[in-house]
Amino acid sequence: LFNVLRGDMNLVGPRPEQPQIFSRLRHRVARYRERQQVLPGITGWAQIKHHYDTSLDDVGRKLAFDLEYVRRQSAAQDLKILLMTVPVVMFRKGAW
């Protein structure tokens, strides 16, 4: 939360990626850089809709959710994602 208070992150947005992983993926996955159009978030659409990525195909699927979030970003969308995050975290329902 400290990074949110400092303005480096939002509560909702694409999850931040380690710089070395981002560097590799931006060259291997089309449109990967576009997820950087918004600040990273503690939770995001991809986190509640898809499990951990273990392959480039998974990265592509999560990227589609991230880009959908970038296109449709709004306070209402953020609230919806925050509310949907609660059962995922508390009860491991939804994404795993």
PDB file of N, CA and C in Angstrom:
ATOM      1  N   LEU A   1       0.817  -1.207   0.000  1.00  0.00           N
ATOM      2  CA  LEU A   1       0.000   0.000   0.000  1.00  0.00           C
ATOM      3  C   LEU A   1       0.853   1.261   0.000  1.00  0.00           C
ATOM      4  N   PHE A   2       2.082   1.151   0.511  1.00  0.00           N
ATOM      5  CA  PHE A   2       2.975   2.305   0.536  1.00  0.00           C
ATOM      6  C   PHE A   2       3.179   2.857  -0.875  1.00  0.00           C
ATOM      7  N   ASN A   3       3.367   1.967  -1.849  1.00  0.00           N
ATOM      8  CA  ASN A   3       3.564   2.415  -3.236  1.00  0.00           C
ATOM      9  C   ASN A   3       2.317   3.076  -3.808  1.00  0.00           C
ATOM     10  N   VAL A   4       1.138   2.655  -3.358  1.00  0.00           N
ATOM     11  CA  VAL A   4      -0.110   3.306  -3.784  1.00  0.00           C
ATOM     12  C   VAL A   4      -0.160   4.714  -3.205  1.00  0.00           C
ATOM     13  N   LEU A   5       0.155   4.842  -1.919  1.00  0.00           N
ATOM     14  CA  LEU A   5       0.144   6.161  -1.276  1.00  0.00           C
ATOM     15  C   LEU A   5       1.166   7.104  -1.900  1.00  0.00           C
ATOM     16  N   ARG A   6       2.302   6.572  -2.337  1.00  0.00           N
ATOM     17  CA  ARG A   6       3.331   7.393  -2.996  1.00  0.00           C
ATOM     18  C   ARG A   6       2.953   7.766  -4.425  1.00  0.00           C
ATOM     19  N   GLY A   7       1.963   7.088  -4.991  1.00  0.00           N
ATOM     20  CA  GLY A   7       1.549   7.374  -6.363  1.00  0.00           C
ATOM     21  C   GLY A   7       2.281   6.563  -7.408  1.00  0.00           C
ATOM     22  N   ASP A   8       3.048   5.552  -6.981  1.00  0.00           N
ATOM     23  CA  ASP A   8       3.772   4.696  -7.919  1.00  0.00           C
ATOM     24  C   ASP A   8       2.902   3.567  -8.467  1.00  0.00           C
ATOM     25  N   MET A   9       1.828   3.255  -7.739  1.00  0.00           N
ATOM     26  CA  MET A   9       0.918   2.172  -8.125  1.00  0.00           C
ATOM     27  C   MET A   9      -0.512   2.596  -7.837  1.00  0.00           C
ATOM     28  N   ASN A  10      -1.447   1.865  -8.437  1.00  0.00           N
ATOM     29  CA  ASN A  10      -2.867   1.999  -8.122  1.00  0.00           C
ATOM     30  C   ASN A  10      -3.312   0.750  -7.373  1.00  0.00           C
ATOM     31  N   LEU A  11      -4.486   0.812  -6.781  1.00  0.00           N
ATOM     32  CA  LEU A  11      -5.049  -0.405  -6.198  1.00  0.00           C
ATOM     33  C   LEU A  11      -5.358  -1.414  -7.299  1.00  0.00           C
ATOM     34  N   VAL A  12      -5.848  -0.918  -8.443  1.00  0.00           N
ATOM     35  CA  VAL A  12      -6.237  -1.785  -9.559  1.00  0.00           C
ATOM     36  C   VAL A  12      -5.443  -1.397 -10.799  1.00  0.00           C
ATOM     37  N   GLY A  13      -4.967  -2.406 -11.502  1.00  0.00           N
ATOM     38  CA  GLY A  13      -4.227  -2.201 -12.740  1.00  0.00           C
ATOM     39  C   GLY A  13      -3.466  -3.465 -13.067  1.00  0.00           C
ATOM     40  N   PRO A  14      -2.796  -3.504 -14.197  1.00  0.00           N
ATOM     41  CA  PRO A  14      -1.978  -4.676 -14.501  1.00  0.00           C
ATOM     42  C   PRO A  14      -0.917  -4.865 -13.415  1.00  0.00           C
ATOM     43  N   ARG A  15      -0.679  -6.094 -13.032  1.00  0.00           N
ATOM     44  CA  ARG A  15       0.325  -6.355 -12.004  1.00  0.00           C
ATOM     45  C   ARG A  15       1.697  -5.907 -12.495  1.00  0.00           C
ATOM     46  N   PRO A  16       2.515  -5.337 -11.598  1.00  0.00           N
ATOM     47  CA  PRO A  16       3.863  -4.950 -12.008  1.00  0.00           C
ATOM     48  C   PRO A  16       4.689  -6.190 -12.337  1.00  0.00           C
ATOM     49  N   GLU A  17       5.585  -6.042 -13.262  1.00  0.00           N
ATOM     50  CA  GLU A  17       6.441  -7.152 -13.667  1.00  0.00           C
ATOM     51  C   GLU A  17       7.881  -6.809 -13.338  1.00  0.00           C
ATOM     52  N   GLN A  18       8.668  -7.811 -12.991  1.00  0.00           N
ATOM     53  CA  GLN A  18      10.088  -7.592 -12.745  1.00  0.00           C
ATOM     54  C   GLN A  18      10.726  -7.067 -14.027  1.00  0.00           C
ATOM     55  N   PRO A  19      11.645  -6.088 -13.915  1.00  0.00           N
ATOM     56  CA  PRO A  19      12.221  -5.469 -15.117  1.00  0.00           C
ATOM     57  C   PRO A  19      12.830  -6.467 -16.101  1.00  0.00           C
ATOM     58  N   GLN A  20      13.548  -7.467 -15.618  1.00  0.00           N
ATOM     59  CA  GLN A  20      14.181  -8.421 -16.541  1.00  0.00           C
ATOM     60  C   GLN A  20      13.139  -9.283 -17.253  1.00  0.00           C
ATOM     61  N   ILE A  21      12.043  -9.608 -16.574  1.00  0.00           N
ATOM     62  CA  ILE A  21      10.975 -10.379 -17.214  1.00  0.00           C
ATOM     63  C   ILE A  21      10.235  -9.502 -18.221  1.00  0.00           C
ATOM     64  N   PHE A  22       9.951  -8.251 -17.839  1.00  0.00           N
ATOM     65  CA  PHE A  22       9.287  -7.327 -18.764  1.00  0.00           C
ATOM     66  C   PHE A  22      10.120  -7.157 -20.033  1.00  0.00           C
ATOM     67  N   SER A  23      11.428  -7.002 -19.861  1.00  0.00           N
ATOM     68  CA  SER A  23      12.319  -6.809 -21.006  1.00  0.00           C
ATOM     69  C   SER A  23      12.233  -7.985 -21.977  1.00  0.00           C
ATOM     70  N   ARG A  24      12.191  -9.197 -21.446  1.00  0.00           N
ATOM     71  CA  ARG A  24      12.086 -10.380 -22.300  1.00  0.00           C
ATOM     72  C   ARG A  24      10.719 -10.477 -22.968  1.00  0.00           C
ATOM     73  N   LEU A  25       9.666 -10.254 -22.191  1.00  0.00           N
ATOM     74  CA  LEU A  25       8.314 -10.440 -22.724  1.00  0.00           C
ATOM     75  C   LEU A  25       7.938  -9.385 -23.758  1.00  0.00           C
ATOM     76  N   ARG A  26       8.427  -8.168 -23.607  1.00  0.00           N
ATOM     77  CA  ARG A  26       8.045  -7.130 -24.573  1.00  0.00           C
ATOM     78  C   ARG A  26       8.559  -7.446 -25.968  1.00  0.00           C
ATOM     79  N   HIS A  27       9.613  -8.276 -26.060  1.00  0.00           N
ATOM     80  CA  HIS A  27      10.143  -8.670 -27.368  1.00  0.00           C
ATOM     81  C   HIS A  27       9.494  -9.953 -27.888  1.00  0.00           C
ATOM     82  N   ARG A  28       8.866 -10.720 -26.995  1.00  0.00           N
ATOM     83  CA  ARG A  28       8.325 -12.023 -27.386  1.00  0.00           C
ATOM     84  C   ARG A  28       6.804 -12.050 -27.493  1.00  0.00           C
ATOM     85  N   VAL A  29       6.125 -11.089 -26.863  1.00  0.00           N
ATOM     86  CA  VAL A  29       4.661 -11.090 -26.847  1.00  0.00           C
ATOM     87  C   VAL A  29       4.163  -9.784 -27.463  1.00  0.00           C
ATOM     88  N   ALA A  30       3.444  -9.904 -28.573  1.00  0.00           N
ATOM     89  CA  ALA A  30       2.923  -8.715 -29.265  1.00  0.00           C
ATOM     90  C   ALA A  30       2.055  -7.886 -28.326  1.00  0.00           C
ATOM     91  N   ARG A  31       2.230  -6.590 -28.384  1.00  0.00           N
ATOM     92  CA  ARG A  31       1.432  -5.604 -27.631  1.00  0.00           C
ATOM     93  C   ARG A  31       1.710  -5.615 -26.125  1.00  0.00           C
ATOM     94  N   TYR A  32       2.736  -6.326 -25.667  1.00  0.00           N
ATOM     95  CA  TYR A  32       2.997  -6.415 -24.227  1.00  0.00           C
ATOM     96  C   TYR A  32       3.261  -5.045 -23.604  1.00  0.00           C
ATOM     97  N   ARG A  33       3.925  -4.166 -24.347  1.00  0.00           N
ATOM     98  CA  ARG A  33       4.233  -2.823 -23.815  1.00  0.00           C
ATOM     99  C   ARG A  33       2.973  -2.013 -23.517  1.00  0.00           C
ATOM    100  N   GLU A  34       1.889  -2.289 -24.216  1.00  0.00           N
ATOM    101  CA  GLU A  34       0.664  -1.493 -24.059  1.00  0.00           C
ATOM    102  C   GLU A  34       0.084  -1.567 -22.653  1.00  0.00           C
ATOM    103  N   ARG A  35       0.403  -2.616 -21.915  1.00  0.00           N
ATOM    104  CA  ARG A  35      -0.113  -2.725 -20.547  1.00  0.00           C
ATOM    105  C   ARG A  35       0.511  -1.668 -19.641  1.00  0.00           C
ATOM    106  N   GLN A  36       1.594  -1.034 -20.093  1.00  0.00           N
ATOM    107  CA  GLN A  36       2.275  -0.007 -19.309  1.00  0.00           C
ATOM    108  C   GLN A  36       1.623   1.367 -19.470  1.00  0.00           C
ATOM    109  N   GLN A  37       0.502   1.457 -20.180  1.00  0.00           N
ATOM    110  CA  GLN A  37      -0.172   2.740 -20.375  1.00  0.00           C
ATOM    111  C   GLN A  37      -0.840   3.240 -19.106  1.00  0.00           C
ATOM    112  N   VAL A  38      -1.022   2.355 -18.134  1.00  0.00           N
ATOM    113  CA  VAL A  38      -1.593   2.733 -16.839  1.00  0.00           C
ATOM    114  C   VAL A  38      -0.631   2.276 -15.748  1.00  0.00           C
ATOM    115  N   LEU A  39      -0.774   2.865 -14.570  1.00  0.00           N
ATOM    116  CA  LEU A  39       0.062   2.438 -13.451  1.00  0.00           C
ATOM    117  C   LEU A  39      -0.247   0.988 -13.087  1.00  0.00           C
ATOM    118  N   PRO A  40       0.756   0.265 -12.617  1.00  0.00           N
ATOM    119  CA  PRO A  40       0.487  -1.100 -12.161  1.00  0.00           C
ATOM    120  C   PRO A  40      -0.398  -1.086 -10.930  1.00  0.00           C
ATOM    121  N   GLY A  41      -1.024  -2.221 -10.660  1.00  0.00           N
ATOM    122  CA  GLY A  41      -1.928  -2.302  -9.519  1.00  0.00           C
ATOM    123  C   GLY A  41      -1.641  -3.484  -8.617  1.00  0.00           C
ATOM    124  N   ILE A  42      -2.194  -3.424  -7.423  1.00  0.00           N
ATOM    125  CA  ILE A  42      -2.075  -4.527  -6.475  1.00  0.00           C
ATOM    126  C   ILE A  42      -2.912  -5.712  -6.952  1.00  0.00           C
ATOM    127  N   THR A  43      -4.062  -5.418  -7.531  1.00  0.00           N
ATOM    128  CA  THR A  43      -4.902  -6.448  -8.134  1.00  0.00           C
ATOM    129  C   THR A  43      -5.325  -5.961  -9.509  1.00  0.00           C
ATOM    130  N   GLY A  44      -5.804  -6.868 -10.311  1.00  0.00           N
ATOM    131  CA  GLY A  44      -6.212  -6.474 -11.651  1.00  0.00           C
ATOM    132  C   GLY A  44      -7.160  -7.479 -12.268  1.00  0.00           C
ATOM    133  N   TRP A  45      -7.700  -7.105 -13.415  1.00  0.00           N
ATOM    134  CA  TRP A  45      -8.654  -7.934 -14.141  1.00  0.00           C
ATOM    135  C   TRP A  45      -8.035  -9.290 -14.469  1.00  0.00           C
ATOM    136  N   ALA A  46      -6.784  -9.298 -14.901  1.00  0.00           N
ATOM    137  CA  ALA A  46      -6.121 -10.563 -15.250  1.00  0.00           C
ATOM    138  C   ALA A  46      -5.948 -11.461 -14.033  1.00  0.00           C
ATOM    139  N   GLN A  47      -5.719 -10.886 -12.864  1.00  0.00           N
ATOM    140  CA  GLN A  47      -5.492 -11.686 -11.661  1.00  0.00           C
ATOM    141  C   GLN A  47      -6.765 -12.384 -11.190  1.00  0.00           C
ATOM    142  N   ILE A  48      -7.909 -11.765 -11.405  1.00  0.00           N
ATOM    143  CA  ILE A  48      -9.143 -12.408 -10.947  1.00  0.00           C
ATOM    144  C   ILE A  48      -9.767 -13.293 -12.023  1.00  0.00           C
ATOM    145  N   LYS A  49      -9.321 -13.142 -13.265  1.00  0.00           N
ATOM    146  CA  LYS A  49      -9.911 -13.914 -14.359  1.00  0.00           C
ATOM    147  C   LYS A  49      -9.030 -15.067 -14.848  1.00  0.00           C
ATOM    148  N   HIS A  50      -7.759 -15.092 -14.458  1.00  0.00           N
ATOM    149  CA  HIS A  50      -6.837 -16.103 -14.987  1.00  0.00           C
ATOM    150  C   HIS A  50      -5.855 -16.510 -13.905  1.00  0.00           C
ATOM    151  N   HIS A  51      -5.430 -17.757 -13.954  1.00  0.00           N
ATOM    152  CA  HIS A  51      -4.459 -18.272 -12.987  1.00  0.00           C
ATOM    153  C   HIS A  51      -3.053 -17.748 -13.288  1.00  0.00           C
ATOM    154  N   TYR A  52      -2.089 -18.163 -12.483  1.00  0.00           N
ATOM    155  CA  TYR A  52      -0.700 -17.765 -12.713  1.00  0.00           C
ATOM    156  C   TYR A  52      -0.260 -18.213 -14.094  1.00  0.00           C
ATOM    157  N   ASP A  53       0.548 -17.386 -14.736  1.00  0.00           N
ATOM    158  CA  ASP A  53       1.009 -17.756 -16.064  1.00  0.00           C
ATOM    159  C   ASP A  53       2.235 -18.665 -15.955  1.00  0.00           C
ATOM    160  N   THR A  54       2.190 -19.749 -16.739  1.00  0.00           N
ATOM    161  CA  THR A  54       3.288 -20.707 -16.762  1.00  0.00           C
ATOM    162  C   THR A  54       3.835 -20.899 -18.169  1.00  0.00           C
ATOM    163  N   SER A  55       3.249 -20.205 -19.145  1.00  0.00           N
ATOM    164  CA  SER A  55       3.695 -20.326 -20.531  1.00  0.00           C
ATOM    165  C   SER A  55       3.443 -19.003 -21.252  1.00  0.00           C
ATOM    166  N   LEU A  56       4.003 -18.885 -22.444  1.00  0.00           N
ATOM    167  CA  LEU A  56       3.754 -17.683 -23.246  1.00  0.00           C
ATOM    168  C   LEU A  56       2.282 -17.584 -23.635  1.00  0.00           C
ATOM    169  N   ASP A  57       1.617 -18.712 -23.817  1.00  0.00           N
ATOM    170  CA  ASP A  57       0.175 -18.678 -24.106  1.00  0.00           C
ATOM    171  C   ASP A  57      -0.588 -18.066 -22.936  1.00  0.00           C
ATOM    172  N   ASP A  58      -0.210 -18.453 -21.703  1.00  0.00           N
ATOM    173  CA  ASP A  58      -0.836 -17.866 -20.513  1.00  0.00           C
ATOM    174  C   ASP A  58      -0.579 -16.366 -20.449  1.00  0.00           C
ATOM    175  N   VAL A  59       0.648 -15.957 -20.756  1.00  0.00           N
ATOM    176  CA  VAL A  59       0.988 -14.530 -20.751  1.00  0.00           C
ATOM    177  C   VAL A  59       0.095 -13.791 -21.741  1.00  0.00           C
ATOM    178  N   GLY A  60      -0.103 -14.368 -22.917  1.00  0.00           N
ATOM    179  CA  GLY A  60      -0.968 -13.751 -23.923  1.00  0.00           C
ATOM    180  C   GLY A  60      -2.407 -13.621 -23.458  1.00  0.00           C
ATOM    181  N   ARG A  61      -2.914 -14.654 -22.775  1.00  0.00           N
ATOM    182  CA  ARG A  61      -4.288 -14.593 -22.268  1.00  0.00           C
ATOM    183  C   ARG A  61      -4.421 -13.524 -21.182  1.00  0.00           C
ATOM    184  N   LYS A  62      -3.441 -13.461 -20.275  1.00  0.00           N
ATOM    185  CA  LYS A  62      -3.494 -12.440 -19.226  1.00  0.00           C
ATOM    186  C   LYS A  62      -3.337 -11.046 -19.829  1.00  0.00           C
ATOM    187  N   LEU A  63      -2.504 -10.933 -20.859  1.00  0.00           N
ATOM    188  CA  LEU A  63      -2.329  -9.649 -21.528  1.00  0.00           C
ATOM    189  C   LEU A  63      -3.654  -9.171 -22.117  1.00  0.00           C
ATOM    190  N   ALA A  64      -4.439 -10.077 -22.668  1.00  0.00           N
ATOM    191  CA  ALA A  64      -5.743  -9.691 -23.223  1.00  0.00           C
ATOM    192  C   ALA A  64      -6.623  -9.071 -22.137  1.00  0.00           C
ATOM    193  N   PHE A  65      -6.617  -9.640 -20.932  1.00  0.00           N
ATOM    194  CA  PHE A  65      -7.382  -9.060 -19.824  1.00  0.00           C
ATOM    195  C   PHE A  65      -6.816  -7.697 -19.433  1.00  0.00           C
ATOM    196  N   ASP A  66      -5.468  -7.585 -19.386  1.00  0.00           N
ATOM    197  CA  ASP A  66      -4.848  -6.300 -19.042  1.00  0.00           C
ATOM    198  C   ASP A  66      -5.215  -5.221 -20.052  1.00  0.00           C
ATOM    199  N   LEU A  67      -5.178  -5.561 -21.345  1.00  0.00           N
ATOM    200  CA  LEU A  67      -5.492  -4.571 -22.376  1.00  0.00           C
ATOM    201  C   LEU A  67      -6.970  -4.201 -22.361  1.00  0.00           C
ATOM    202  N   GLU A  68      -7.823  -5.157 -22.024  1.00  0.00           N
ATOM    203  CA  GLU A  68      -9.249  -4.842 -21.865  1.00  0.00           C
ATOM    204  C   GLU A  68      -9.422  -3.843 -20.722  1.00  0.00           C
ATOM    205  N   TYR A  69      -8.692  -4.052 -19.627  1.00  0.00           N
ATOM    206  CA  TYR A  69      -8.761  -3.116 -18.498  1.00  0.00           C
ATOM    207  C   TYR A  69      -8.285  -1.729 -18.936  1.00  0.00           C
ATOM    208  N   VAL A  70      -7.172  -1.659 -19.667  1.00  0.00           N
ATOM    209  CA  VAL A  70      -6.639  -0.369 -20.123  1.00  0.00           C
ATOM    210  C   VAL A  70      -7.689   0.363 -20.956  1.00  0.00           C
ATOM    211  N   ARG A  71      -8.378  -0.341 -21.845  1.00  0.00           N
ATOM    212  CA  ARG A  71      -9.401   0.275 -22.707  1.00  0.00           C
ATOM    213  C   ARG A  71     -10.624   0.734 -21.924  1.00  0.00           C
ATOM    214  N   ARG A  72     -11.000  -0.011 -20.888  1.00  0.00           N
ATOM    215  CA  ARG A  72     -12.267   0.252 -20.198  1.00  0.00           C
ATOM    216  C   ARG A  72     -12.079   0.834 -18.802  1.00  0.00           C
ATOM    217  N   GLN A  73     -10.900   1.305 -18.490  1.00  0.00           N
ATOM    218  CA  GLN A  73     -10.602   1.777 -17.135  1.00  0.00           C
ATOM    219  C   GLN A  73     -11.581   2.860 -16.683  1.00  0.00           C
ATOM    220  N   SER A  74     -12.142   2.655 -15.492  1.00  0.00           N
ATOM    221  CA  SER A  74     -13.050   3.631 -14.894  1.00  0.00           C
ATOM    222  C   SER A  74     -13.132   3.339 -13.403  1.00  0.00           C
ATOM    223  N   ALA A  75     -13.668   4.286 -12.657  1.00  0.00           N
ATOM    224  CA  ALA A  75     -13.845   4.082 -11.214  1.00  0.00           C
ATOM    225  C   ALA A  75     -14.795   2.914 -10.961  1.00  0.00           C
ATOM    226  N   ALA A  76     -15.848   2.796 -11.767  1.00  0.00           N
ATOM    227  CA  ALA A  76     -16.801   1.692 -11.599  1.00  0.00           C
ATOM    228  C   ALA A  76     -16.127   0.346 -11.872  1.00  0.00           C
ATOM    229  N   GLN A  77     -15.307   0.297 -12.910  1.00  0.00           N
ATOM    230  CA  GLN A  77     -14.582  -0.942 -13.232  1.00  0.00           C
ATOM    231  C   GLN A  77     -13.613  -1.296 -12.106  1.00  0.00           C
ATOM    232  N   ASP A  78     -12.923  -0.298 -11.567  1.00  0.00           N
ATOM    233  CA  ASP A  78     -11.997  -0.546 -10.457  1.00  0.00           C
ATOM    234  C   ASP A  78     -12.735  -1.093  -9.240  1.00  0.00           C
ATOM    235  N   LEU A  79     -13.885  -0.520  -8.929  1.00  0.00           N
ATOM    236  CA  LEU A  79     -14.669  -0.997  -7.788  1.00  0.00           C
ATOM    237  C   LEU A  79     -15.115  -2.445  -8.007  1.00  0.00           C
ATOM    238  N   LYS A  80     -15.564  -2.749  -9.211  1.00  0.00           N
ATOM    239  CA  LYS A  80     -15.978  -4.117  -9.544  1.00  0.00           C
ATOM    240  C   LYS A  80     -14.817  -5.091  -9.345  1.00  0.00           C
ATOM    241  N   ILE A  81     -13.637  -4.731  -9.830  1.00  0.00           N
ATOM    242  CA  ILE A  81     -12.465  -5.604  -9.702  1.00  0.00           C
ATOM    243  C   ILE A  81     -12.071  -5.766  -8.238  1.00  0.00           C
ATOM    244  N   LEU A  82     -12.106  -4.674  -7.478  1.00  0.00           N
ATOM    245  CA  LEU A  82     -11.785  -4.770  -6.048  1.00  0.00           C
ATOM    246  C   LEU A  82     -12.750  -5.713  -5.336  1.00  0.00           C
ATOM    247  N   LEU A  83     -14.040  -5.597  -5.633  1.00  0.00           N
ATOM    248  CA  LEU A  83     -15.032  -6.469  -5.000  1.00  0.00           C
ATOM    249  C   LEU A  83     -14.854  -7.924  -5.429  1.00  0.00           C
ATOM    250  N   MET A  84     -14.497  -8.141  -6.681  1.00  0.00           N
ATOM    251  CA  MET A  84     -14.282  -9.506  -7.167  1.00  0.00           C
ATOM    252  C   MET A  84     -12.991 -10.111  -6.628  1.00  0.00           C
ATOM    253  N   THR A  85     -12.070  -9.271  -6.182  1.00  0.00           N
ATOM    254  CA  THR A  85     -10.803  -9.750  -5.636  1.00  0.00           C
ATOM    255  C   THR A  85     -10.990 -10.397  -4.267  1.00  0.00           C
ATOM    256  N   VAL A  86     -11.946  -9.907  -3.493  1.00  0.00           N
ATOM    257  CA  VAL A  86     -12.134 -10.397  -2.118  1.00  0.00           C
ATOM    258  C   VAL A  86     -12.313 -11.916  -2.062  1.00  0.00           C
ATOM    259  N   PRO A  87     -13.272 -12.510  -2.793  1.00  0.00           N
ATOM    260  CA  PRO A  87     -13.400 -13.971  -2.695  1.00  0.00           C
ATOM    261  C   PRO A  87     -12.201 -14.725  -3.264  1.00  0.00           C
ATOM    262  N   VAL A  88     -11.528 -14.146  -4.249  1.00  0.00           N
ATOM    263  CA  VAL A  88     -10.342 -14.800  -4.805  1.00  0.00           C
ATOM    264  C   VAL A  88      -9.271 -14.913  -3.729  1.00  0.00           C
ATOM    265  N   VAL A  89      -9.062 -13.844  -2.975  1.00  0.00           N
ATOM    266  CA  VAL A  89      -8.031 -13.830  -1.937  1.00  0.00           C
ATOM    267  C   VAL A  89      -8.484 -14.599  -0.695  1.00  0.00           C
ATOM    268  N   MET A  90      -9.683 -14.318  -0.230  1.00  0.00           N
ATOM    269  CA  MET A  90     -10.148 -14.895   1.037  1.00  0.00           C
ATOM    270  C   MET A  90     -10.498 -16.380   0.927  1.00  0.00           C
ATOM    271  N   PHE A  91     -11.135 -16.760  -0.169  1.00  0.00           N
ATOM    272  CA  PHE A  91     -11.660 -18.123  -0.272  1.00  0.00           C
ATOM    273  C   PHE A  91     -11.075 -18.908  -1.443  1.00  0.00           C
ATOM    274  N   ARG A  92     -10.106 -18.303  -2.125  1.00  0.00           N
ATOM    275  CA  ARG A  92      -9.475 -18.936  -3.290  1.00  0.00           C
ATOM    276  C   ARG A  92     -10.509 -19.350  -4.332  1.00  0.00           C
ATOM    277  N   LYS A  93     -11.494 -18.484  -4.519  1.00  0.00           N
ATOM    278  CA  LYS A  93     -12.527 -18.727  -5.527  1.00  0.00           C
ATOM    279  C   LYS A  93     -12.183 -17.922  -6.769  1.00  0.00           C
ATOM    280  N   GLY A  94     -12.429 -18.479  -7.909  1.00  0.00           N
ATOM    281  CA  GLY A  94     -12.105 -17.788  -9.148  1.00  0.00           C
ATOM    282  C   GLY A  94     -10.717 -18.187  -9.599  1.00  0.00           C
ATOM    283  N   ALA A  95      -9.886 -17.209  -9.886  1.00  0.00           N
ATOM    284  CA  ALA A  95      -8.524 -17.486 -10.351  1.00  0.00           C
ATOM    285  C   ALA A  95      -7.745 -18.203  -9.265  1.00  0.00           C
ATOM    286  N   TRP A  96      -6.739 -18.973  -9.665  1.00  0.00           N
ATOM    287  CA  TRP A  96      -5.919 -19.686  -8.690  1.00  0.00           C
ATOM    288  C   TRP A  96      -4.465 -19.503  -8.978  1.00  0.00           C
TER     289      TRP A  96
END
